[in-house]
Every structure is written in C-alpha cells, then in structure tokens.
C-alpha cells in the first residue's frame, strides 16, 4: 500500500463478518452488521502536544483492535475497502490467547 496516514490517524482493515447465522441461515450482504474489530494496516507518526513534542501512538501495524460502531471514514485504497480513524476512536487492542494462536 502506498498510503501513509498523518498525525494520530490509523488505517484499518475490517475483520470479515460471518455469512451464516449460528442457526445456519445465510445472511445477505445488505443485512449484515459490519464488524467492530479489525487489523491495523498503517499508523501515522503521532500527535503533537502543546509544546510541539511528538506523542507516539499506542497501536502498531498488525494489531487486532476494537473500535466504535460509527468510527472512522470508509475509503477505498488500491481497490480495498479500508477505514481511516483517529487513535482516540480505538477502544482497545485484542490480545490473542495461546489457545486461539494454536487453532489458527
């Protein structure tokens, strides 16, 4: 990707949503709820405080994160649907447990 976010912005790829319900019913695209988690693709250098010092971001590329339902701006970069949002819109980083790592 040839896109570098500025300041405290992050580029996110949404996680894939399920195409079937738990009961086995296939959910059409227009009825699916967009997932509120995703993978960080790129991060900006950070924000500046009042004295001009750079405040580094807590997230990095590759982190799996949870964000608000209406957070970010949807964009298309290199034909891929991505989200750009400020770090403040990210609620937290999802840590993978050892059991999840073995299953993957």
PDB file of N, CA and C in Angstrom:
ATOM      1  N   UNK A   1       0.847  -1.167   0.000  1.00  0.00           N
ATOM      2  CA  UNK A   1       0.000   0.000   0.000  1.00  0.00           C
ATOM      3  C   UNK A   1       0.892   1.229   0.000  1.00  0.00           C
ATOM      4  N   UNK A   2       0.514   2.223  -0.752  1.00  0.00           N
ATOM      5  CA  UNK A   2       1.279   3.451  -0.852  1.00  0.00           C
ATOM      6  C   UNK A   2       0.511   4.601  -0.208  1.00  0.00           C
ATOM      7  N   UNK A   3       0.106   4.409   1.024  1.00  0.00           N
ATOM      8  CA  UNK A   3      -0.630   5.433   1.760  1.00  0.00           C
ATOM      9  C   UNK A   3      -0.051   5.526   3.162  1.00  0.00           C
ATOM     10  N   UNK A   4       0.281   6.728   3.591  1.00  0.00           N
ATOM     11  CA  UNK A   4       0.838   6.949   4.919  1.00  0.00           C
ATOM     12  C   UNK A   4      -0.070   7.934   5.645  1.00  0.00           C
ATOM     13  N   UNK A   5      -0.740   7.491   6.703  1.00  0.00           N
ATOM     14  CA  UNK A   5      -1.616   8.404   7.436  1.00  0.00           C
ATOM     15  C   UNK A   5      -0.813   9.472   8.177  1.00  0.00           C
ATOM     16  N   UNK A   6      -1.426  10.614   8.385  1.00  0.00           N
ATOM     17  CA  UNK A   6      -0.776  11.722   9.077  1.00  0.00           C
ATOM     18  C   UNK A   6      -1.229  11.798  10.530  1.00  0.00           C
ATOM     19  N   UNK A   7      -0.403  12.410  11.347  1.00  0.00           N
ATOM     20  CA  UNK A   7      -0.682  12.698  12.755  1.00  0.00           C
ATOM     21  C   UNK A   7      -1.071  11.432  13.518  1.00  0.00           C
ATOM     22  N   UNK A   8      -2.225  11.442  14.200  1.00  0.00           N
ATOM     23  CA  UNK A   8      -2.617  10.293  15.019  1.00  0.00           C
ATOM     24  C   UNK A   8      -3.698   9.444  14.337  1.00  0.00           C
ATOM     25  N   UNK A   9      -3.638   9.383  13.029  1.00  0.00           N
ATOM     26  CA  UNK A   9      -4.618   8.572  12.285  1.00  0.00           C
ATOM     27  C   UNK A   9      -4.081   7.173  12.019  1.00  0.00           C
ATOM     28  N   UNK A  10      -5.005   6.228  11.915  1.00  0.00           N
ATOM     29  CA  UNK A  10      -4.658   4.836  11.644  1.00  0.00           C
ATOM     30  C   UNK A  10      -5.515   4.303  10.509  1.00  0.00           C
ATOM     31  N   UNK A  11      -4.950   3.401   9.704  1.00  0.00           N
ATOM     32  CA  UNK A  11      -5.679   2.751   8.619  1.00  0.00           C
ATOM     33  C   UNK A  11      -6.007   1.339   9.093  1.00  0.00           C
ATOM     34  N   UNK A  12      -7.278   0.938   8.943  1.00  0.00           N
ATOM     35  CA  UNK A  12      -7.759  -0.331   9.478  1.00  0.00           C
ATOM     36  C   UNK A  12      -8.456  -1.147   8.404  1.00  0.00           C
ATOM     37  N   UNK A  13      -8.183  -2.445   8.402  1.00  0.00           N
ATOM     38  CA  UNK A  13      -8.923  -3.392   7.553  1.00  0.00           C
ATOM     39  C   UNK A  13      -9.902  -4.101   8.472  1.00  0.00           C
ATOM     40  N   UNK A  14     -11.197  -3.964   8.166  1.00  0.00           N
ATOM     41  CA  UNK A  14     -12.229  -4.627   8.984  1.00  0.00           C
ATOM     42  C   UNK A  14     -12.064  -6.140   8.952  1.00  0.00           C
ATOM     43  N   UNK A  15     -12.414  -6.774  10.061  1.00  0.00           N
ATOM     44  CA  UNK A  15     -12.447  -8.232  10.110  1.00  0.00           C
ATOM     45  C   UNK A  15     -13.612  -8.711   9.247  1.00  0.00           C
ATOM     46  N   UNK A  16     -13.500  -9.903   8.706  1.00  0.00           N
ATOM     47  CA  UNK A  16     -14.573 -10.464   7.883  1.00  0.00           C
ATOM     48  C   UNK A  16     -15.767 -10.825   8.762  1.00  0.00           C
ATOM     49  N   UNK A  17     -16.964 -10.493   8.308  1.00  0.00           N
ATOM     50  CA  UNK A  17     -18.162 -10.853   9.065  1.00  0.00           C
ATOM     51  C   UNK A  17     -18.662 -12.225   8.620  1.00  0.00           C
ATOM     52  N   UNK A  18     -19.413 -12.857   9.502  1.00  0.00           N
ATOM     53  CA  UNK A  18     -19.956 -14.183   9.204  1.00  0.00           C
ATOM     54  C   UNK A  18     -21.030 -14.085   8.126  1.00  0.00           C
ATOM     55  N   UNK A  19     -21.050 -15.067   7.233  1.00  0.00           N
ATOM     56  CA  UNK A  19     -22.079 -15.082   6.190  1.00  0.00           C
ATOM     57  C   UNK A  19     -23.265 -15.939   6.597  1.00  0.00           C
ATOM     58  N   UNK A  20     -23.126 -16.695   7.696  1.00  0.00           N
ATOM     59  CA  UNK A  20     -24.223 -17.524   8.206  1.00  0.00           C
ATOM     60  C   UNK A  20     -24.465 -17.197   9.671  1.00  0.00           C
ATOM     61  N   UNK A  21     -25.719 -17.322  10.071  1.00  0.00           N
ATOM     62  CA  UNK A  21     -26.040 -17.143  11.484  1.00  0.00           C
ATOM     63  C   UNK A  21     -25.686 -18.429  12.231  1.00  0.00           C
ATOM     64  N   UNK A  22     -25.761 -18.405  13.552  1.00  0.00           N
ATOM     65  CA  UNK A  22     -25.456 -19.598  14.341  1.00  0.00           C
ATOM     66  C   UNK A  22     -26.407 -20.742  14.002  1.00  0.00           C
ATOM     67  N   UNK A  23     -27.624 -20.414  13.573  1.00  0.00           N
ATOM     68  CA  UNK A  23     -28.612 -21.425  13.219  1.00  0.00           C
ATOM     69  C   UNK A  23     -28.453 -21.950  11.798  1.00  0.00           C
ATOM     70  N   UNK A  24     -27.492 -21.401  11.034  1.00  0.00           N
ATOM     71  CA  UNK A  24     -27.235 -21.884   9.687  1.00  0.00           C
ATOM     72  C   UNK A  24     -27.914 -21.083   8.587  1.00  0.00           C
ATOM     73  N   UNK A  25     -28.590 -20.001   8.941  1.00  0.00           N
ATOM     74  CA  UNK A  25     -29.263 -19.175   7.943  1.00  0.00           C
ATOM     75  C   UNK A  25     -28.236 -18.267   7.275  1.00  0.00           C
ATOM     76  N   UNK A  26     -28.243 -18.217   5.941  1.00  0.00           N
ATOM     77  CA  UNK A  26     -27.315 -17.367   5.202  1.00  0.00           C
ATOM     78  C   UNK A  26     -27.800 -15.922   5.267  1.00  0.00           C
ATOM     79  N   UNK A  27     -26.896 -15.021   5.651  1.00  0.00           N
ATOM     80  CA  UNK A  27     -27.230 -13.606   5.810  1.00  0.00           C
ATOM     81  C   UNK A  27     -26.795 -12.850   4.559  1.00  0.00           C
ATOM     82  N   UNK A  28     -27.716 -12.149   3.878  1.00  0.00           N
ATOM     83  CA  UNK A  28     -27.327 -11.379   2.691  1.00  0.00           C
ATOM     84  C   UNK A  28     -26.464 -10.177   3.077  1.00  0.00           C
ATOM     85  N   UNK A  29     -25.665  -9.672   2.121  1.00  0.00           N
ATOM     86  CA  UNK A  29     -24.735  -8.571   2.377  1.00  0.00           C
ATOM     87  C   UNK A  29     -25.410  -7.333   2.958  1.00  0.00           C
ATOM     88  N   UNK A  30     -26.597  -6.992   2.450  1.00  0.00           N
ATOM     89  CA  UNK A  30     -27.244  -5.761   2.904  1.00  0.00           C
ATOM     90  C   UNK A  30     -27.823  -5.887   4.322  1.00  0.00           C
ATOM     91  N   UNK A  31     -27.949  -7.091   4.857  1.00  0.00           N
ATOM     92  CA  UNK A  31     -28.477  -7.288   6.208  1.00  0.00           C
ATOM     93  C   UNK A  31     -27.378  -7.532   7.235  1.00  0.00           C
ATOM     94  N   UNK A  32     -26.149  -7.704   6.771  1.00  0.00           N
ATOM     95  CA  UNK A  32     -25.042  -7.966   7.682  1.00  0.00           C
ATOM     96  C   UNK A  32     -24.700  -6.721   8.483  1.00  0.00           C
ATOM     97  N   UNK A  33     -24.347  -6.941   9.727  1.00  0.00           N
ATOM     98  CA  UNK A  33     -23.847  -5.844  10.538  1.00  0.00           C
ATOM     99  C   UNK A  33     -22.336  -5.835  10.402  1.00  0.00           C
ATOM    100  N   UNK A  34     -21.771  -4.673  10.148  1.00  0.00           N
ATOM    101  CA  UNK A  34     -20.326  -4.586   9.952  1.00  0.00           C
ATOM    102  C   UNK A  34     -19.613  -4.858  11.272  1.00  0.00           C
ATOM    103  N   UNK A  35     -18.553  -5.654  11.224  1.00  0.00           N
ATOM    104  CA  UNK A  35     -17.820  -5.952  12.454  1.00  0.00           C
ATOM    105  C   UNK A  35     -17.149  -4.714  13.026  1.00  0.00           C
ATOM    106  N   UNK A  36     -16.996  -4.699  14.341  1.00  0.00           N
ATOM    107  CA  UNK A  36     -16.379  -3.570  15.020  1.00  0.00           C
ATOM    108  C   UNK A  36     -14.950  -3.888  15.430  1.00  0.00           C
ATOM    109  N   UNK A  37     -14.355  -4.835  14.751  1.00  0.00           N
ATOM    110  CA  UNK A  37     -12.953  -5.121  15.004  1.00  0.00           C
ATOM    111  C   UNK A  37     -12.223  -5.201  13.676  1.00  0.00           C
ATOM    112  N   UNK A  38     -10.921  -5.024  13.739  1.00  0.00           N
ATOM    113  CA  UNK A  38     -10.138  -5.043  12.518  1.00  0.00           C
ATOM    114  C   UNK A  38      -8.651  -5.064  12.823  1.00  0.00           C
ATOM    115  N   UNK A  39      -7.872  -5.089  11.746  1.00  0.00           N
ATOM    116  CA  UNK A  39      -6.417  -5.132  11.848  1.00  0.00           C
ATOM    117  C   UNK A  39      -5.841  -3.788  11.423  1.00  0.00           C
ATOM    118  N   UNK A  40      -4.894  -3.292  12.207  1.00  0.00           N
ATOM    119  CA  UNK A  40      -4.228  -2.037  11.880  1.00  0.00           C
ATOM    120  C   UNK A  40      -3.271  -2.298  10.723  1.00  0.00           C
ATOM    121  N   UNK A  41      -3.408  -1.530   9.645  1.00  0.00           N
ATOM    122  CA  UNK A  41      -2.575  -1.676   8.457  1.00  0.00           C
ATOM    123  C   UNK A  41      -1.418  -0.674   8.481  1.00  0.00           C
ATOM    124  N   UNK A  42      -1.710   0.571   8.839  1.00  0.00           N
ATOM    125  CA  UNK A  42      -0.679   1.617   8.868  1.00  0.00           C
ATOM    126  C   UNK A  42      -1.028   2.630   9.947  1.00  0.00           C
ATOM    127  N   UNK A  43      -0.009   3.251  10.532  1.00  0.00           N
ATOM    128  CA  UNK A  43      -0.217   4.271  11.562  1.00  0.00           C
ATOM    129  C   UNK A  43       0.575   5.532  11.210  1.00  0.00           C
ATOM    130  N   UNK A  44       0.065   6.659  11.662  1.00  0.00           N
ATOM    131  CA  UNK A  44       0.777   7.915  11.485  1.00  0.00           C
ATOM    132  C   UNK A  44       1.872   8.053  12.537  1.00  0.00           C
ATOM    133  N   UNK A  45       2.677   9.102  12.436  1.00  0.00           N
ATOM    134  CA  UNK A  45       3.788   9.277  13.373  1.00  0.00           C
ATOM    135  C   UNK A  45       3.354   9.632  14.783  1.00  0.00           C
ATOM    136  N   UNK A  46       2.166  10.189  14.960  1.00  0.00           N
ATOM    137  CA  UNK A  46       1.671  10.572  16.276  1.00  0.00           C
ATOM    138  C   UNK A  46       1.223  12.018  16.292  1.00  0.00           C
ATOM    139  N   UNK A  47       0.600  12.395  17.395  1.00  0.00           N
ATOM    140  CA  UNK A  47       0.120  13.765  17.551  1.00  0.00           C
ATOM    141  C   UNK A  47       1.181  14.590  18.262  1.00  0.00           C
ATOM    142  N   UNK A  48       1.031  15.883  18.219  1.00  0.00           N
ATOM    143  CA  UNK A  48       1.953  16.790  18.913  1.00  0.00           C
ATOM    144  C   UNK A  48       1.219  17.441  20.085  1.00  0.00           C
ATOM    145  N   UNK A  49       1.915  17.571  21.212  1.00  0.00           N
ATOM    146  CA  UNK A  49       1.314  18.254  22.347  1.00  0.00           C
ATOM    147  C   UNK A  49       1.505  19.765  22.211  1.00  0.00           C
ATOM    148  N   UNK A  50       1.099  20.521  23.225  1.00  0.00           N
ATOM    149  CA  UNK A  50       1.147  21.980  23.148  1.00  0.00           C
ATOM    150  C   UNK A  50       2.569  22.525  23.002  1.00  0.00           C
ATOM    151  N   UNK A  51       3.558  21.784  23.512  1.00  0.00           N
ATOM    152  CA  UNK A  51       4.941  22.246  23.401  1.00  0.00           C
ATOM    153  C   UNK A  51       5.598  21.800  22.097  1.00  0.00           C
ATOM    154  N   UNK A  52       4.873  21.013  21.286  1.00  0.00           N
ATOM    155  CA  UNK A  52       5.397  20.565  19.999  1.00  0.00           C
ATOM    156  C   UNK A  52       6.069  19.209  20.040  1.00  0.00           C
ATOM    157  N   UNK A  53       6.106  18.569  21.211  1.00  0.00           N
ATOM    158  CA  UNK A  53       6.722  17.243  21.329  1.00  0.00           C
ATOM    159  C   UNK A  53       5.802  16.182  20.717  1.00  0.00           C
ATOM    160  N   UNK A  54       6.395  15.225  20.055  1.00  0.00           N
ATOM    161  CA  UNK A  54       5.634  14.164  19.394  1.00  0.00           C
ATOM    162  C   UNK A  54       5.185  13.124  20.410  1.00  0.00           C
ATOM    163  N   UNK A  55       3.904  12.795  20.399  1.00  0.00           N
ATOM    164  CA  UNK A  55       3.347  11.756  21.268  1.00  0.00           C
ATOM    165  C   UNK A  55       3.093  10.542  20.387  1.00  0.00           C
ATOM    166  N   UNK A  56       3.869   9.487  20.592  1.00  0.00           N
ATOM    167  CA  UNK A  56       3.753   8.278  19.769  1.00  0.00           C
ATOM    168  C   UNK A  56       2.423   7.566  20.029  1.00  0.00           C
ATOM    169  N   UNK A  57       1.955   6.817  19.022  1.00  0.00           N
ATOM    170  CA  UNK A  57       0.705   6.067  19.148  1.00  0.00           C
ATOM    171  C   UNK A  57       0.932   4.775  19.920  1.00  0.00           C
ATOM    172  N   UNK A  58      -0.137   4.282  20.559  1.00  0.00           N
ATOM    173  CA  UNK A  58      -0.071   3.022  21.302  1.00  0.00           C
ATOM    174  C   UNK A  58      -0.274   1.810  20.411  1.00  0.00           C
ATOM    175  N   UNK A  59      -0.882   1.996  19.240  1.00  0.00           N
ATOM    176  CA  UNK A  59      -1.122   0.876  18.330  1.00  0.00           C
ATOM    177  C   UNK A  59      -0.039   0.838  17.263  1.00  0.00           C
ATOM    178  N   UNK A  60       0.147  -0.349  16.676  1.00  0.00           N
ATOM    179  CA  UNK A  60       1.130  -0.505  15.600  1.00  0.00           C
ATOM    180  C   UNK A  60       0.529  -1.399  14.530  1.00  0.00           C
ATOM    181  N   UNK A  61       1.128  -1.401  13.365  1.00  0.00           N
ATOM    182  CA  UNK A  61       0.641  -2.235  12.262  1.00  0.00           C
ATOM    183  C   UNK A  61       0.632  -3.692  12.708  1.00  0.00           C
ATOM    184  N   UNK A  62      -0.449  -4.391  12.397  1.00  0.00           N
ATOM    185  CA  UNK A  62      -0.584  -5.795  12.757  1.00  0.00           C
ATOM    186  C   UNK A  62      -1.441  -6.020  13.987  1.00  0.00           C
ATOM    187  N   UNK A  63      -1.701  -4.981  14.791  1.00  0.00           N
ATOM    188  CA  UNK A  63      -2.542  -5.126  15.985  1.00  0.00           C
ATOM    189  C   UNK A  63      -3.985  -5.395  15.590  1.00  0.00           C
ATOM    190  N   UNK A  64      -4.651  -6.256  16.345  1.00  0.00           N
ATOM    191  CA  UNK A  64      -6.082  -6.509  16.184  1.00  0.00           C
ATOM    192  C   UNK A  64      -6.780  -5.611  17.192  1.00  0.00           C
ATOM    193  N   UNK A  65      -7.697  -4.764  16.716  1.00  0.00           N
ATOM    194  CA  UNK A  65      -8.297  -3.756  17.587  1.00  0.00           C
ATOM    195  C   UNK A  65      -9.819  -3.812  17.576  1.00  0.00           C
ATOM    196  N   UNK A  66     -10.405  -3.148  18.562  1.00  0.00           N
ATOM    197  CA  UNK A  66     -11.850  -2.999  18.678  1.00  0.00           C
ATOM    198  C   UNK A  66     -12.141  -1.501  18.603  1.00  0.00           C
ATOM    199  N   UNK A  67     -13.117  -1.105  17.772  1.00  0.00           N
ATOM    200  CA  UNK A  67     -13.427   0.314  17.606  1.00  0.00           C
ATOM    201  C   UNK A  67     -14.928   0.521  17.658  1.00  0.00           C
ATOM    202  N   UNK A  68     -15.331   1.775  17.781  1.00  0.00           N
ATOM    203  CA  UNK A  68     -16.742   2.134  17.881  1.00  0.00           C
ATOM    204  C   UNK A  68     -17.507   1.843  16.597  1.00  0.00           C
ATOM    205  N   UNK A  69     -18.805   1.640  16.755  1.00  0.00           N
ATOM    206  CA  UNK A  69     -19.664   1.267  15.630  1.00  0.00           C
ATOM    207  C   UNK A  69     -19.649   2.289  14.498  1.00  0.00           C
ATOM    208  N   UNK A  70     -19.650   3.564  14.812  1.00  0.00           N
ATOM    209  CA  UNK A  70     -19.711   4.609  13.790  1.00  0.00           C
ATOM    210  C   UNK A  70     -18.373   5.316  13.631  1.00  0.00           C
ATOM    211  N   UNK A  71     -17.299   4.689  14.054  1.00  0.00           N
ATOM    212  CA  UNK A  71     -15.973   5.315  13.995  1.00  0.00           C
ATOM    213  C   UNK A  71     -15.378   5.260  12.594  1.00  0.00           C
ATOM    214  N   UNK A  72     -14.571   6.239  12.289  1.00  0.00           N
ATOM    215  CA  UNK A  72     -13.772   6.221  11.075  1.00  0.00           C
ATOM    216  C   UNK A  72     -14.498   6.667   9.818  1.00  0.00           C
ATOM    217  N   UNK A  73     -13.695   6.798   8.772  1.00  0.00           N
ATOM    218  CA  UNK A  73     -14.171   7.162   7.447  1.00  0.00           C
ATOM    219  C   UNK A  73     -13.815   6.037   6.494  1.00  0.00           C
ATOM    220  N   UNK A  74     -14.801   5.534   5.773  1.00  0.00           N
ATOM    221  CA  UNK A  74     -14.553   4.444   4.828  1.00  0.00           C
ATOM    222  C   UNK A  74     -13.915   5.002   3.568  1.00  0.00           C
ATOM    223  N   UNK A  75     -12.824   4.372   3.142  1.00  0.00           N
ATOM    224  CA  UNK A  75     -12.119   4.773   1.924  1.00  0.00           C
ATOM    225  C   UNK A  75     -11.770   3.519   1.123  1.00  0.00           C
ATOM    226  N   UNK A  76     -11.462   3.730  -0.145  1.00  0.00           N
ATOM    227  CA  UNK A  76     -11.014   2.630  -0.995  1.00  0.00           C
ATOM    228  C   UNK A  76      -9.595   2.961  -1.437  1.00  0.00           C
ATOM    229  N   UNK A  77      -8.631   2.115  -1.030  1.00  0.00           N
ATOM    230  CA  UNK A  77      -7.224   2.307  -1.385  1.00  0.00           C
ATOM    231  C   UNK A  77      -6.755   1.043  -2.079  1.00  0.00           C
ATOM    232  N   UNK A  78      -6.193   1.189  -3.276  1.00  0.00           N
ATOM    233  CA  UNK A  78      -5.736   0.046  -4.080  1.00  0.00           C
ATOM    234  C   UNK A  78      -6.846  -0.993  -4.262  1.00  0.00           C
ATOM    235  N   UNK A  79      -8.104  -0.532  -4.411  1.00  0.00           N
ATOM    236  CA  UNK A  79      -9.234  -1.427  -4.631  1.00  0.00           C
ATOM    237  C   UNK A  79      -9.725  -2.143  -3.388  1.00  0.00           C
ATOM    238  N   UNK A  80      -9.197  -1.801  -2.216  1.00  0.00           N
ATOM    239  CA  UNK A  80      -9.589  -2.461  -0.972  1.00  0.00           C
ATOM    240  C   UNK A  80     -10.338  -1.473  -0.078  1.00  0.00           C
ATOM    241  N   UNK A  81     -11.466  -1.915   0.513  1.00  0.00           N
ATOM    242  CA  UNK A  81     -12.232  -1.071   1.420  1.00  0.00           C
ATOM    243  C   UNK A  81     -11.545  -1.039   2.779  1.00  0.00           C
ATOM    244  N   UNK A  82     -11.162   0.161   3.215  1.00  0.00           N
ATOM    245  CA  UNK A  82     -10.458   0.337   4.480  1.00  0.00           C
ATOM    246  C   UNK A  82     -11.122   1.443   5.281  1.00  0.00           C
ATOM    247  N   UNK A  83     -10.723   1.585   6.522  1.00  0.00           N
ATOM    248  CA  UNK A  83     -11.194   2.649   7.396  1.00  0.00           C
ATOM    249  C   UNK A  83     -10.010   3.500   7.832  1.00  0.00           C
ATOM    250  N   UNK A  84     -10.217   4.808   7.911  1.00  0.00           N
ATOM    251  CA  UNK A  84      -9.218   5.699   8.486  1.00  0.00           C
ATOM    252  C   UNK A  84      -9.880   6.363   9.683  1.00  0.00           C
ATOM    253  N   UNK A  85      -9.211   6.283  10.835  1.00  0.00           N
ATOM    254  CA  UNK A  85      -9.760   6.885  12.047  1.00  0.00           C
ATOM    255  C   UNK A  85      -8.642   7.404  12.930  1.00  0.00           C
ATOM    256  N   UNK A  86      -8.995   8.243  13.866  1.00  0.00           N
ATOM    257  CA  UNK A  86      -8.027   8.731  14.843  1.00  0.00           C
ATOM    258  C   UNK A  86      -7.836   7.659  15.912  1.00  0.00           C
ATOM    259  N   UNK A  87      -6.667   7.677  16.525  1.00  0.00           N
ATOM    260  CA  UNK A  87      -6.380   6.676  17.556  1.00  0.00           C
ATOM    261  C   UNK A  87      -7.380   6.765  18.703  1.00  0.00           C
ATOM    262  N   UNK A  88      -7.914   7.939  18.986  1.00  0.00           N
ATOM    263  CA  UNK A  88      -8.875   8.119  20.075  1.00  0.00           C
ATOM    264  C   UNK A  88     -10.162   7.322  19.850  1.00  0.00           C
ATOM    265  N   UNK A  89     -10.479   6.987  18.587  1.00  0.00           N
ATOM    266  CA  UNK A  89     -11.682   6.208  18.283  1.00  0.00           C
ATOM    267  C   UNK A  89     -11.497   4.719  18.544  1.00  0.00           C
ATOM    268  N   UNK A  90     -10.268   4.294  18.786  1.00  0.00           N
ATOM    269  CA  UNK A  90      -9.985   2.883  19.052  1.00  0.00           C
ATOM    270  C   UNK A  90     -10.209   2.616  20.532  1.00  0.00           C
ATOM    271  N   UNK A  91     -11.021   1.587  20.839  1.00  0.00           N
ATOM    272  CA  UNK A  91     -11.344   1.277  22.226  1.00  0.00           C
ATOM    273  C   UNK A  91     -10.282   0.420  22.898  1.00  0.00           C
ATOM    274  N   UNK A  92      -9.613  -0.433  22.133  1.00  0.00           N
ATOM    275  CA  UNK A  92      -8.589  -1.269  22.740  1.00  0.00           C
ATOM    276  C   UNK A  92      -7.984  -2.244  21.753  1.00  0.00           C
ATOM    277  N   UNK A  93      -6.915  -2.893  22.200  1.00  0.00           N
ATOM    278  CA  UNK A  93      -6.213  -3.904  21.409  1.00  0.00           C
ATOM    279  C   UNK A  93      -6.650  -5.273  21.897  1.00  0.00           C
ATOM    280  N   UNK A  94      -6.991  -6.157  20.972  1.00  0.00           N
ATOM    281  CA  UNK A  94      -7.422  -7.515  21.318  1.00  0.00           C
ATOM    282  C   UNK A  94      -6.184  -8.401  21.344  1.00  0.00           C
ATOM    283  N   UNK A  95      -5.917  -8.991  22.496  1.00  0.00           N
ATOM    284  CA  UNK A  95      -4.771  -9.905  22.656  1.00  0.00           C
ATOM    285  C   UNK A  95      -5.232 -11.300  22.276  1.00  0.00           C
ATOM    286  N   UNK A  96      -4.428 -11.970  21.466  1.00  0.00           N
ATOM    287  CA  UNK A  96      -4.732 -13.348  21.100  1.00  0.00           C
ATOM    288  C   UNK A  96      -4.250 -14.268  22.226  1.00  0.00           C
ATOM    289  N   UNK A  97      -5.112 -15.178  22.650  1.00  0.00           N
ATOM    290  CA  UNK A  97      -4.734 -16.133  23.687  1.00  0.00           C
ATOM    291  C   UNK A  97      -3.944 -17.273  23.052  1.00  0.00           C
ATOM    292  N   UNK A  98      -3.269 -18.048  23.857  1.00  0.00           N
ATOM    293  CA  UNK A  98      -2.465 -19.166  23.354  1.00  0.00           C
ATOM    294  C   UNK A  98      -3.353 -20.181  22.632  1.00  0.00           C
ATOM    295  N   UNK A  99      -4.571 -20.432  23.131  1.00  0.00           N
ATOM    296  CA  UNK A  99      -5.468 -21.395  22.510  1.00  0.00           C
ATOM    297  C   UNK A  99      -5.882 -20.909  21.115  1.00  0.00           C
ATOM    298  N   UNK A 100      -6.122 -19.609  20.967  1.00  0.00           N
ATOM    299  CA  UNK A 100      -6.509 -19.057  19.668  1.00  0.00           C
ATOM    300  C   UNK A 100      -5.347 -19.111  18.696  1.00  0.00           C
ATOM    301  N   UNK A 101      -4.123 -18.916  19.195  1.00  0.00           N
ATOM    302  CA  UNK A 101      -2.955 -18.966  18.318  1.00  0.00           C
ATOM    303  C   UNK A 101      -2.735 -20.384  17.801  1.00  0.00           C
ATOM    304  N   UNK A 102      -2.957 -21.387  18.648  1.00  0.00           N
ATOM    305  CA  UNK A 102      -2.770 -22.791  18.234  1.00  0.00           C
ATOM    306  C   UNK A 102      -3.832 -23.197  17.217  1.00  0.00           C
ATOM    307  N   UNK A 103      -5.045 -22.676  17.364  1.00  0.00           N
ATOM    308  CA  UNK A 103      -6.141 -23.027  16.460  1.00  0.00           C
ATOM    309  C   UNK A 103      -5.943 -22.376  15.086  1.00  0.00           C
ATOM    310  N   UNK A 104      -5.272 -21.242  15.035  1.00  0.00           N
ATOM    311  CA  UNK A 104      -5.095 -20.504  13.775  1.00  0.00           C
ATOM    312  C   UNK A 104      -4.034 -21.109  12.897  1.00  0.00           C
TER     313      UNK A 104
END
